[in-house]
Amino acid sequence: MNTLSNWLDFLSTKIILVLCLIFFVAAAFYSFINGIETYIYTNDFLHFLAWISGIVAALGVYILFINRLLSNKMFLIFLILFAFTVRLIWILNFNTRIESDFYILYTAAVDAANGNFNFSEQLYFRSWVYQIGFTMYQALVIAVFGESVFVLKFISVFYSIGITVLIYLIGKEVINETAGRIAAIFYASYASSIVMTSVLTNDHLSTLFYLLGFYLIVKTKNPTIKIGLLIGLFIGLGNIIRPLGSLILIAIFLYYIVYRVILETKERRLRSLGTLFGIFIAYFLVMNIASYAFIAAGVTEYPLSNRAPYWKFLIGVNQETNGGYSAEDASFMSQFSLGDERDKVEKELILERIADKEQVANLLYRKFKIMWGHGDASINWSMSSIDRPFVFQQLKAIERATYFIMLVFAFIFLFLFRKKLSTPLIFLLVVILGYVMSHLLIEIQTRYRFFIMPIFSILAGGGLAMISTMLFKYNKVVSERLDPKKNDIQ
């Protein structure tokens, strides 16, 4: 059994590691190539390169000087103040217009706050009932503070700060203190994370809940059913706000079964099974309680679910839009009733679109390049109504540069740390792989990278922390060789 467990551990870890290394090197390559293609004929390419150099230099200065001066408590205070300041400055100076899905959700929230639930009769909410969770959250805020959009944005600032702090805590737990600090700084200063605070998106609150669950998973040394219930609670709350719960539960299940059950001692195996049981029990309890509470209150007649389950897949295999949103598909499918009729047509279209395997392979290749190599559309969403072209171009260059740097350092970390991967760190890699693979199948938008960027930041923090440690050791060896007496005194 021990031999079998060792082989399973070796194979599963190696497969996960190799796939993640391939992902990061490919994503970094396409990100840089796309940066060149986008900016090569303009001065913006020089801005892109300049920002890469500037960001690396700033991180180097922090590691060499500031990092040594800050205790853990002082760093946390600095991190919170920095993250809060840059986000507050953004929402005070950039009044992003509410549009698209965000407008639908906000106007529905205003109606709900006034006791009017007629919005749930719209095709949008009858198709994607899960959107009611975030709508009712916004309705609660509006009921307490009024219809001020600024209040919703201001609250999102605190969710974004919470994400940043959790990145620090998770990075510190799965790698080390320095890695956690650098990871948090990466995210605190990441353009997309800052500018999206002025967009009424469900990403901030949902990601905060998901990361709370992740933190408990990587932090817990002695699993119990109580911890499992708490993890399931956070994952469930995150799913109510933005439905990624199914994907995350699959990652959790695979991680626990392989690394916390099969590869553990009998005693810990039973405790881990209890934790896993608690996670699923709490998750489904939360989802069912929320669903039936909304039904009982007359908000909707359906549980929180997706009543158009094939839609994202239909869009995901659209050759003409490269797996992105298709207005033509939306118009065509609107003539069919929700349920069996629409499901049947969508399944037929999906099968038709995947019939040519060579075309499908080409589509997956293009989707990967766009999803993980193009600039984050969050900048466009936050500034679509704001006519400040210089700021817009600089932000796009900064985002592209920061993203590229994170991919490179994440690869460096996994490559250098490949023989010392901790079990909790493997869980984060499983989440990455699941998220990447799911977007080969479903609709893509680069702003959907929001959820996974905290984990990218953690790995990037590990890469830069390892390089700095290696440089410090090298400098120490050189100085000792140049001044052997100094070593004798020590």
Protein backbone atom coordinates (compact mmCIF):
# COMPACT_ATOMS: atom_id res chain seq x y z
CA MET A 1 0.00 0.00 0.00
CA ASN A 2 2.87 2.35 0.83
CA THR A 3 4.45 1.68 -2.56
CA LEU A 4 1.13 2.30 -4.30
CA SER A 5 0.61 5.52 -2.33
CA ASN A 6 4.10 6.73 -3.16
CA TRP A 7 3.55 6.11 -6.85
CA LEU A 8 0.15 7.82 -6.76
CA ASP A 9 1.67 10.79 -4.95
CA PHE A 10 4.53 10.97 -7.45
CA LEU A 11 2.37 10.64 -10.55
CA SER A 12 -0.44 12.98 -9.49
CA THR A 13 1.96 15.67 -8.25
CA LYS A 14 4.16 15.44 -11.34
CA ILE A 15 1.19 15.61 -13.70
CA ILE A 16 -0.25 18.64 -11.90
CA LEU A 17 3.16 20.33 -11.81
CA VAL A 18 3.97 19.69 -15.48
CA LEU A 19 0.56 20.91 -16.64
CA CYS A 20 0.90 24.08 -14.58
CA LEU A 21 4.42 24.72 -15.88
CA ILE A 22 3.17 24.30 -19.46
CA PHE A 23 0.29 26.65 -18.74
CA PHE A 24 2.42 29.43 -17.26
CA VAL A 25 5.10 29.31 -19.93
CA ALA A 26 2.46 29.30 -22.70
CA ALA A 27 0.41 32.08 -21.09
CA ALA A 28 3.52 34.23 -20.55
CA PHE A 29 4.64 33.65 -24.14
CA TYR A 30 1.28 34.61 -25.64
CA SER A 31 0.93 37.55 -23.26
CA PHE A 32 4.26 38.98 -24.41
CA ILE A 33 3.58 38.24 -28.08
CA ASN A 34 0.17 39.86 -27.86
CA GLY A 35 1.78 42.86 -26.17
CA ILE A 36 4.18 43.17 -29.08
CA GLU A 37 1.40 42.74 -31.66
CA THR A 38 -0.77 45.29 -29.90
CA TYR A 39 1.86 47.95 -29.31
CA ILE A 40 4.60 47.41 -31.89
CA TYR A 41 3.43 50.18 -34.22
CA THR A 42 2.98 52.75 -31.45
CA ASN A 43 4.92 54.27 -28.62
CA ASP A 44 2.76 52.21 -26.26
CA PHE A 45 5.10 49.27 -26.72
CA LEU A 46 7.85 51.35 -25.12
CA HIS A 47 5.45 52.10 -22.27
CA PHE A 48 4.79 48.37 -21.94
CA LEU A 49 8.53 47.59 -21.69
CA ALA A 50 9.11 50.60 -19.43
CA TRP A 51 6.40 49.45 -17.04
CA ILE A 52 7.86 45.93 -16.93
CA SER A 53 11.24 47.41 -15.95
CA GLY A 54 9.69 49.85 -13.50
CA ILE A 55 7.58 47.24 -11.71
CA VAL A 56 10.52 44.83 -11.35
CA ALA A 57 12.73 47.67 -10.10
CA ALA A 58 10.10 48.76 -7.54
CA LEU A 59 9.72 45.21 -6.28
CA GLY A 60 13.52 44.93 -6.03
CA VAL A 61 13.71 48.10 -3.94
CA TYR A 62 10.99 46.79 -1.65
CA ILE A 63 12.72 43.44 -1.15
CA LEU A 64 16.16 44.95 -0.59
CA PHE A 65 15.20 47.75 1.76
CA ILE A 66 11.59 48.24 2.88
CA ASN A 67 10.85 44.55 3.55
CA ARG A 68 13.57 44.41 6.23
CA LEU A 69 12.18 47.42 8.06
CA LEU A 70 8.60 46.19 8.45
CA SER A 71 7.49 43.76 11.13
CA ASN A 72 4.56 41.49 10.31
CA LYS A 73 2.14 43.84 12.05
CA MET A 74 3.59 46.94 10.38
CA PHE A 75 3.47 45.28 6.97
CA LEU A 76 -0.20 44.38 7.41
CA ILE A 77 -1.00 47.99 8.36
CA PHE A 78 0.99 49.27 5.38
CA LEU A 79 -0.74 46.78 3.05
CA ILE A 80 -4.25 47.73 4.17
CA LEU A 81 -3.56 51.47 3.96
CA PHE A 82 -1.95 51.17 0.53
CA ALA A 83 -4.71 48.98 -0.92
CA PHE A 84 -7.40 51.25 0.54
CA THR A 85 -5.79 54.49 -0.65
CA VAL A 86 -5.29 53.55 -4.30
CA ARG A 87 -8.80 52.10 -4.58
CA LEU A 88 -10.44 55.06 -2.88
CA ILE A 89 -8.58 57.46 -5.18
CA TRP A 90 -9.84 55.47 -8.15
CA ILE A 91 -13.55 55.45 -7.25
CA LEU A 92 -13.43 59.13 -6.27
CA ASN A 93 -11.91 60.20 -9.58
CA PHE A 94 -13.41 57.75 -12.08
CA ASN A 95 -17.19 57.54 -12.23
CA THR A 96 -17.73 54.37 -14.25
CA ARG A 97 -21.08 54.17 -16.00
CA ILE A 98 -23.25 51.17 -15.11
CA GLU A 99 -23.92 49.15 -18.27
CA SER A 100 -24.64 45.71 -19.69
CA ASP A 101 -25.33 42.96 -17.10
CA PHE A 102 -24.21 45.27 -14.29
CA TYR A 103 -27.04 47.69 -15.19
CA ILE A 104 -29.62 44.89 -15.26
CA LEU A 105 -28.52 43.69 -11.82
CA TYR A 106 -28.44 47.19 -10.32
CA THR A 107 -31.89 48.25 -11.56
CA ALA A 108 -33.29 44.92 -10.35
CA ALA A 109 -31.68 45.55 -6.96
CA VAL A 110 -33.31 49.00 -6.76
CA ASP A 111 -36.70 47.41 -7.50
CA ALA A 112 -36.11 44.68 -4.93
CA ALA A 113 -35.12 47.24 -2.28
CA ASN A 114 -38.52 48.87 -2.88
CA GLY A 115 -40.35 45.57 -2.55
CA ASN A 116 -40.90 45.08 -6.27
CA PHE A 117 -39.79 41.63 -7.48
CA ASN A 118 -41.24 41.83 -11.01
CA PHE A 119 -37.70 41.83 -12.39
CA SER A 120 -37.59 38.07 -11.77
CA GLU A 121 -40.06 37.65 -14.64
CA GLN A 122 -37.47 38.92 -17.12
CA LEU A 123 -35.94 36.27 -19.38
CA TYR A 124 -32.52 37.18 -17.99
CA PHE A 125 -33.45 36.18 -14.42
CA ARG A 126 -35.63 33.26 -15.49
CA SER A 127 -32.67 31.84 -17.43
CA TRP A 128 -29.93 32.58 -14.91
CA VAL A 129 -31.72 32.46 -11.59
CA TYR A 130 -28.36 32.39 -9.79
CA GLN A 131 -27.99 36.13 -10.56
CA ILE A 132 -30.66 36.82 -7.96
CA GLY A 133 -28.15 36.16 -5.15
CA PHE A 134 -25.98 39.17 -6.01
CA THR A 135 -29.06 41.22 -6.88
CA MET A 136 -30.51 40.70 -3.41
CA TYR A 137 -27.16 41.52 -1.81
CA GLN A 138 -27.15 44.86 -3.64
CA ALA A 139 -30.80 45.35 -2.71
CA LEU A 140 -29.89 44.95 0.97
CA VAL A 141 -27.18 47.61 0.69
CA ILE A 142 -29.57 49.94 -1.18
CA ALA A 143 -32.31 49.38 1.42
CA VAL A 144 -29.90 50.45 4.18
CA PHE A 145 -27.91 53.24 2.49
CA GLY A 146 -30.14 54.38 -0.37
CA GLU A 147 -29.60 54.17 -4.13
CA SER A 148 -26.12 55.66 -4.05
CA VAL A 149 -23.88 53.81 -6.51
CA PHE A 150 -20.87 55.21 -4.69
CA VAL A 151 -21.76 53.29 -1.51
CA LEU A 152 -21.78 49.99 -3.42
CA LYS A 153 -18.39 50.86 -4.92
CA PHE A 154 -17.00 51.98 -1.55
CA ILE A 155 -18.02 48.70 0.07
CA SER A 156 -16.34 46.82 -2.78
CA VAL A 157 -13.10 48.58 -1.82
CA PHE A 158 -13.19 46.77 1.52
CA TYR A 159 -13.89 43.44 -0.15
CA SER A 160 -10.87 44.05 -2.38
CA ILE A 161 -8.75 44.83 0.69
CA GLY A 162 -9.98 41.61 2.29
CA ILE A 163 -8.89 39.66 -0.79
CA THR A 164 -5.47 41.31 -0.59
CA VAL A 165 -5.05 40.39 3.08
CA LEU A 166 -6.12 36.80 2.42
CA ILE A 167 -3.56 36.56 -0.39
CA TYR A 168 -0.91 37.57 2.15
CA LEU A 169 -2.12 35.02 4.70
CA ILE A 170 -2.43 32.18 2.17
CA GLY A 171 0.95 32.97 0.59
CA LYS A 172 2.54 33.09 4.02
CA GLU A 173 0.98 29.73 4.87
CA VAL A 174 1.78 27.75 1.72
CA ILE A 175 5.21 29.31 0.98
CA ASN A 176 6.69 31.79 3.46
CA GLU A 177 6.38 35.29 4.90
CA THR A 178 8.29 37.04 2.13
CA ALA A 179 6.28 35.30 -0.58
CA GLY A 180 3.02 36.26 1.12
CA ARG A 181 4.10 39.89 1.32
CA ILE A 182 5.16 40.12 -2.31
CA ALA A 183 2.01 38.32 -3.46
CA ALA A 184 -0.16 40.80 -1.57
CA ILE A 185 1.74 43.76 -3.04
CA PHE A 186 1.33 42.28 -6.52
CA TYR A 187 -2.43 42.15 -6.06
CA ALA A 188 -2.81 45.41 -4.15
CA SER A 189 -1.19 47.26 -7.05
CA TYR A 190 -2.66 45.18 -9.89
CA ALA A 191 -4.54 47.57 -12.18
CA SER A 192 -7.53 45.31 -12.87
CA SER A 193 -8.14 44.68 -9.20
CA ILE A 194 -8.09 48.44 -8.56
CA VAL A 195 -10.23 49.65 -11.46
CA MET A 196 -12.90 46.97 -11.03
CA THR A 197 -13.87 48.54 -7.70
CA SER A 198 -15.75 51.17 -9.74
CA VAL A 199 -17.69 48.45 -11.57
CA LEU A 200 -20.70 46.90 -9.84
CA THR A 201 -19.38 43.38 -10.30
CA ASN A 202 -20.01 40.32 -8.16
CA ASP A 203 -16.33 39.34 -8.38
CA HIS A 204 -15.09 41.15 -5.26
CA LEU A 205 -17.49 39.65 -2.72
CA SER A 206 -17.57 36.16 -4.26
CA THR A 207 -13.77 35.94 -4.50
CA LEU A 208 -13.49 37.07 -0.88
CA PHE A 209 -15.75 34.21 0.25
CA TYR A 210 -13.95 31.66 -1.91
CA LEU A 211 -10.55 32.74 -0.57
CA LEU A 212 -11.81 32.46 3.00
CA GLY A 213 -12.64 28.84 2.22
CA PHE A 214 -9.24 28.31 0.56
CA TYR A 215 -7.46 29.81 3.55
CA LEU A 216 -9.13 27.33 5.91
CA ILE A 217 -8.21 24.46 3.57
CA VAL A 218 -4.49 25.34 3.44
CA LYS A 219 -4.29 26.50 7.08
CA THR A 220 -5.95 23.53 8.77
CA LYS A 221 -3.44 20.96 10.01
CA ASN A 222 -5.93 18.82 11.91
CA PRO A 223 -9.08 18.45 9.80
CA THR A 224 -12.43 18.18 11.56
CA ILE A 225 -16.04 18.15 10.45
CA LYS A 226 -16.50 21.61 12.03
CA ILE A 227 -13.78 23.03 9.80
CA GLY A 228 -15.45 21.33 6.85
CA LEU A 229 -18.77 22.97 7.70
CA LEU A 230 -17.10 26.38 7.84
CA ILE A 231 -15.32 25.83 4.51
CA GLY A 232 -18.59 24.70 2.91
CA LEU A 233 -20.33 27.77 4.32
CA PHE A 234 -17.85 30.14 2.68
CA ILE A 235 -17.85 28.28 -0.65
CA GLY A 236 -21.65 28.25 -0.59
CA LEU A 237 -21.86 32.00 0.12
CA GLY A 238 -19.39 32.64 -2.69
CA ASN A 239 -21.52 30.55 -5.05
CA ILE A 240 -24.66 32.52 -4.16
CA ILE A 241 -22.86 35.68 -5.29
CA ARG A 242 -21.07 34.20 -8.32
CA PRO A 243 -21.63 30.55 -9.30
CA LEU A 244 -18.22 28.93 -9.39
CA GLY A 245 -19.03 26.54 -6.58
CA SER A 246 -19.41 23.41 -8.71
CA LEU A 247 -15.94 23.82 -10.20
CA ILE A 248 -14.40 24.54 -6.81
CA LEU A 249 -16.14 21.56 -5.19
CA ILE A 250 -14.68 19.27 -7.86
CA ALA A 251 -11.20 20.64 -7.11
CA ILE A 252 -11.75 20.22 -3.36
CA PHE A 253 -13.07 16.68 -3.80
CA LEU A 254 -10.12 15.56 -5.95
CA TYR A 255 -7.62 17.21 -3.61
CA TYR A 256 -9.08 15.66 -0.45
CA ILE A 257 -9.56 12.19 -1.91
CA VAL A 258 -6.01 11.93 -3.30
CA TYR A 259 -3.95 13.97 -0.85
CA ARG A 260 -5.97 13.89 2.36
CA VAL A 261 -7.52 10.41 2.20
CA ILE A 262 -5.57 7.95 0.02
CA LEU A 263 -2.13 9.35 0.88
CA GLU A 264 -2.75 9.81 4.62
CA THR A 265 -2.66 7.56 7.68
CA LYS A 266 -5.86 5.80 8.70
CA GLU A 267 -6.62 8.21 11.56
CA ARG A 268 -6.13 11.34 9.46
CA ARG A 269 -7.93 9.69 6.57
CA LEU A 270 -11.14 9.38 8.59
CA ARG A 271 -10.85 12.96 9.85
CA SER A 272 -10.32 14.24 6.31
CA LEU A 273 -13.37 12.33 5.12
CA GLY A 274 -15.30 14.04 7.91
CA THR A 275 -14.04 17.43 6.71
CA LEU A 276 -14.99 16.64 3.12
CA PHE A 277 -18.42 15.49 4.27
CA GLY A 278 -18.85 18.71 6.24
CA ILE A 279 -17.89 20.84 3.21
CA PHE A 280 -20.54 19.27 0.98
CA ILE A 281 -23.23 19.25 3.68
CA ALA A 282 -22.73 22.94 4.50
CA TYR A 283 -22.50 23.94 0.84
CA PHE A 284 -25.76 22.30 -0.18
CA LEU A 285 -27.51 23.49 2.99
CA VAL A 286 -26.50 27.10 2.26
CA MET A 287 -27.61 26.85 -1.37
CA ASN A 288 -30.96 25.25 -0.51
CA ILE A 289 -31.71 27.63 2.36
CA ALA A 290 -30.99 30.65 0.14
CA SER A 291 -33.04 29.23 -2.74
CA TYR A 292 -36.11 28.47 -0.70
CA ALA A 293 -35.85 31.70 1.28
CA PHE A 294 -36.07 33.65 -2.00
CA ILE A 295 -38.95 31.47 -3.18
CA ALA A 296 -40.82 31.87 0.10
CA ALA A 297 -40.30 35.65 0.01
CA GLY A 298 -41.81 35.81 -3.47
CA VAL A 299 -38.60 36.97 -5.12
CA THR A 300 -38.55 34.09 -7.62
CA GLU A 301 -40.33 30.80 -8.24
CA TYR A 302 -37.14 28.89 -9.04
CA PRO A 303 -34.15 27.69 -6.97
CA LEU A 304 -30.83 29.48 -7.52
CA SER A 305 -29.66 27.64 -10.60
CA ASN A 306 -28.87 27.88 -14.28
CA ARG A 307 -31.99 27.10 -16.31
CA ALA A 308 -30.05 27.44 -19.57
CA PRO A 309 -27.26 24.96 -18.76
CA TYR A 310 -25.95 24.57 -22.32
CA TRP A 311 -25.73 28.28 -23.13
CA LYS A 312 -22.16 28.86 -21.94
CA PHE A 313 -21.03 25.77 -23.84
CA LEU A 314 -22.85 26.88 -26.99
CA ILE A 315 -21.05 30.22 -26.85
CA GLY A 316 -17.79 28.48 -25.96
CA VAL A 317 -17.74 26.54 -29.24
CA ASN A 318 -18.72 29.48 -31.46
CA GLN A 319 -15.98 29.67 -34.11
CA GLU A 320 -16.93 33.15 -35.31
CA THR A 321 -16.55 34.79 -31.89
CA ASN A 322 -13.62 32.60 -30.77
CA GLY A 323 -15.68 31.35 -27.85
CA GLY A 324 -16.72 34.84 -26.80
CA TYR A 325 -20.22 36.29 -26.41
CA SER A 326 -22.38 36.08 -29.55
CA ALA A 327 -25.30 38.49 -29.98
CA GLU A 328 -26.39 36.41 -32.97
CA ASP A 329 -26.63 33.26 -30.83
CA ALA A 330 -28.50 35.17 -28.15
CA SER A 331 -31.02 36.48 -30.66
CA PHE A 332 -31.50 33.06 -32.25
CA MET A 333 -32.00 31.20 -28.96
CA SER A 334 -34.46 33.78 -27.60
CA GLN A 335 -37.19 32.36 -29.86
CA PHE A 336 -37.18 29.05 -27.97
CA SER A 337 -38.84 28.47 -24.62
CA LEU A 338 -36.65 27.72 -21.61
CA GLY A 339 -36.49 24.06 -20.74
CA ASP A 340 -36.53 21.01 -22.97
CA GLU A 341 -37.15 22.91 -26.20
CA ARG A 342 -34.22 25.28 -25.79
CA ASP A 343 -31.95 22.60 -24.32
CA LYS A 344 -32.58 20.34 -27.30
CA VAL A 345 -31.74 23.05 -29.86
CA GLU A 346 -28.60 24.10 -27.97
CA LYS A 347 -27.37 20.51 -27.71
CA GLU A 348 -27.90 20.00 -31.42
CA LEU A 349 -25.99 23.18 -32.23
CA ILE A 350 -23.14 22.21 -29.90
CA LEU A 351 -22.81 18.78 -31.54
CA GLU A 352 -22.87 20.42 -34.96
CA ARG A 353 -20.12 22.88 -33.97
CA ILE A 354 -17.82 20.23 -32.55
CA ALA A 355 -18.24 17.80 -35.44
CA ASP A 356 -15.07 19.00 -37.19
CA LYS A 357 -12.31 17.99 -34.74
CA GLU A 358 -9.62 20.01 -36.53
CA GLN A 359 -11.71 23.17 -36.28
CA VAL A 360 -12.36 22.47 -32.60
CA ALA A 361 -8.64 22.05 -31.92
CA ASN A 362 -7.96 25.37 -33.65
CA LEU A 363 -10.73 27.02 -31.64
CA LEU A 364 -9.31 25.76 -28.34
CA TYR A 365 -5.91 27.11 -29.33
CA ARG A 366 -7.38 30.55 -30.14
CA LYS A 367 -9.44 30.58 -26.95
CA PHE A 368 -6.38 29.83 -24.85
CA LYS A 369 -4.39 32.64 -26.51
CA ILE A 370 -7.20 35.15 -25.99
CA MET A 371 -8.21 34.15 -22.46
CA TRP A 372 -4.69 33.92 -21.06
CA GLY A 373 -2.62 36.03 -23.47
CA HIS A 374 -4.68 39.15 -24.21
CA GLY A 375 -5.01 42.23 -22.04
CA ASP A 376 -7.61 42.21 -19.28
CA ALA A 377 -10.88 43.77 -20.47
CA SER A 378 -11.50 45.07 -16.94
CA ILE A 379 -9.78 48.30 -18.00
CA ASN A 380 -12.30 48.69 -20.82
CA TRP A 381 -15.26 47.98 -18.54
CA SER A 382 -14.14 50.52 -15.94
CA MET A 383 -13.34 53.29 -18.45
CA SER A 384 -15.80 52.72 -21.29
CA SER A 385 -17.64 55.95 -20.46
CA ILE A 386 -14.60 58.00 -19.40
CA ASP A 387 -12.76 60.03 -22.01
CA ARG A 388 -9.21 60.02 -20.63
CA PRO A 389 -7.19 58.28 -23.35
CA PHE A 390 -3.76 58.77 -21.77
CA VAL A 391 -4.85 57.17 -18.47
CA PHE A 392 -6.60 54.41 -20.40
CA GLN A 393 -3.51 53.54 -22.45
CA GLN A 394 -1.19 53.67 -19.45
CA LEU A 395 -3.46 51.44 -17.40
CA LYS A 396 -3.63 48.89 -20.21
CA ALA A 397 0.18 48.90 -20.45
CA ILE A 398 0.56 48.61 -16.65
CA GLU A 399 -1.96 45.75 -16.46
CA ARG A 400 -0.29 43.92 -19.33
CA ALA A 401 3.16 44.37 -17.79
CA THR A 402 2.09 43.27 -14.29
CA TYR A 403 0.22 40.26 -15.61
CA PHE A 404 3.21 39.18 -17.71
CA ILE A 405 5.57 39.56 -14.74
CA MET A 406 3.27 37.47 -12.53
CA LEU A 407 3.14 34.68 -15.10
CA VAL A 408 6.93 34.65 -15.43
CA PHE A 409 7.59 34.58 -11.69
CA ALA A 410 4.86 31.97 -11.15
CA PHE A 411 6.65 29.74 -13.66
CA ILE A 412 10.01 30.40 -12.00
CA PHE A 413 8.58 29.49 -8.61
CA LEU A 414 7.06 26.20 -9.75
CA PHE A 415 10.20 25.26 -11.64
CA LEU A 416 12.63 26.05 -8.80
CA PHE A 417 10.31 24.74 -6.08
CA ARG A 418 9.20 21.64 -8.01
CA LYS A 419 10.75 19.15 -5.54
CA LYS A 420 9.35 20.86 -2.44
CA LEU A 421 5.70 21.46 -3.28
CA SER A 422 3.61 21.35 -0.12
CA THR A 423 0.27 19.56 -0.14
CA PRO A 424 -1.75 22.77 0.46
CA LEU A 425 0.07 24.40 -2.46
CA ILE A 426 -0.99 21.52 -4.71
CA PHE A 427 -4.62 22.37 -3.91
CA LEU A 428 -4.12 25.85 -5.41
CA LEU A 429 -2.60 24.29 -8.52
CA VAL A 430 -5.59 21.97 -8.88
CA VAL A 431 -7.89 25.02 -8.75
CA ILE A 432 -5.82 26.72 -11.49
CA LEU A 433 -5.96 23.69 -13.77
CA GLY A 434 -9.69 23.29 -13.27
CA TYR A 435 -10.32 26.94 -14.06
CA VAL A 436 -8.11 26.89 -17.15
CA MET A 437 -9.66 23.71 -18.51
CA SER A 438 -13.23 24.89 -17.90
CA HIS A 439 -12.59 27.96 -20.04
CA LEU A 440 -11.51 25.79 -22.92
CA LEU A 441 -15.11 24.57 -22.97
CA ILE A 442 -17.27 27.55 -21.99
CA GLU A 443 -17.57 31.21 -22.95
CA ILE A 444 -14.45 33.30 -22.41
CA GLN A 445 -13.90 36.91 -21.41
CA THR A 446 -10.54 38.12 -20.16
CA ARG A 447 -12.23 39.83 -17.22
CA TYR A 448 -13.12 36.32 -16.00
CA ARG A 449 -9.46 36.04 -14.96
CA PHE A 450 -10.42 38.05 -11.85
CA PHE A 451 -11.14 34.98 -9.72
CA ILE A 452 -7.83 33.23 -10.46
CA MET A 453 -5.52 36.27 -10.19
CA PRO A 454 -5.09 35.96 -6.40
CA ILE A 455 -3.58 32.48 -6.88
CA PHE A 456 -1.35 33.75 -9.70
CA SER A 457 -0.20 36.49 -7.32
CA ILE A 458 0.69 33.93 -4.63
CA LEU A 459 2.78 31.84 -7.02
CA ALA A 460 4.45 34.97 -8.43
CA GLY A 461 5.25 36.09 -4.89
CA GLY A 462 6.88 32.72 -4.31
CA GLY A 463 9.01 33.08 -7.45
CA LEU A 464 10.30 36.52 -6.57
CA ALA A 465 10.87 35.50 -2.95
CA MET A 466 12.97 32.53 -4.10
CA ILE A 467 15.06 34.67 -6.43
CA SER A 468 15.69 37.24 -3.71
CA THR A 469 16.69 34.48 -1.28
CA MET A 470 19.11 33.04 -3.82
CA LEU A 471 20.63 36.48 -4.46
CA PHE A 472 21.05 37.15 -0.74
CA LYS A 473 22.80 33.80 -0.29
CA TYR A 474 25.03 34.50 -3.29
CA ASN A 475 25.95 37.95 -1.98
CA LYS A 476 26.69 36.48 1.44
CA VAL A 477 28.99 33.82 -0.04
CA VAL A 478 30.80 36.43 -2.16
CA SER A 479 31.25 38.80 0.78
CA GLU A 480 32.56 35.96 2.96
CA ARG A 481 35.07 34.99 0.29
CA LEU A 482 36.21 38.57 -0.08
CA ASP A 483 36.43 39.05 3.69
CA PRO A 484 37.02 35.65 5.37
CA LYS A 485 37.78 37.35 8.72
CA LYS A 486 34.19 38.55 8.84
CA ASN A 487 33.00 34.94 8.64
CA ASP A 488 35.44 33.90 11.42
CA ILE A 489 34.10 36.58 13.74
CA GLN A 490 30.54 35.37 13.15
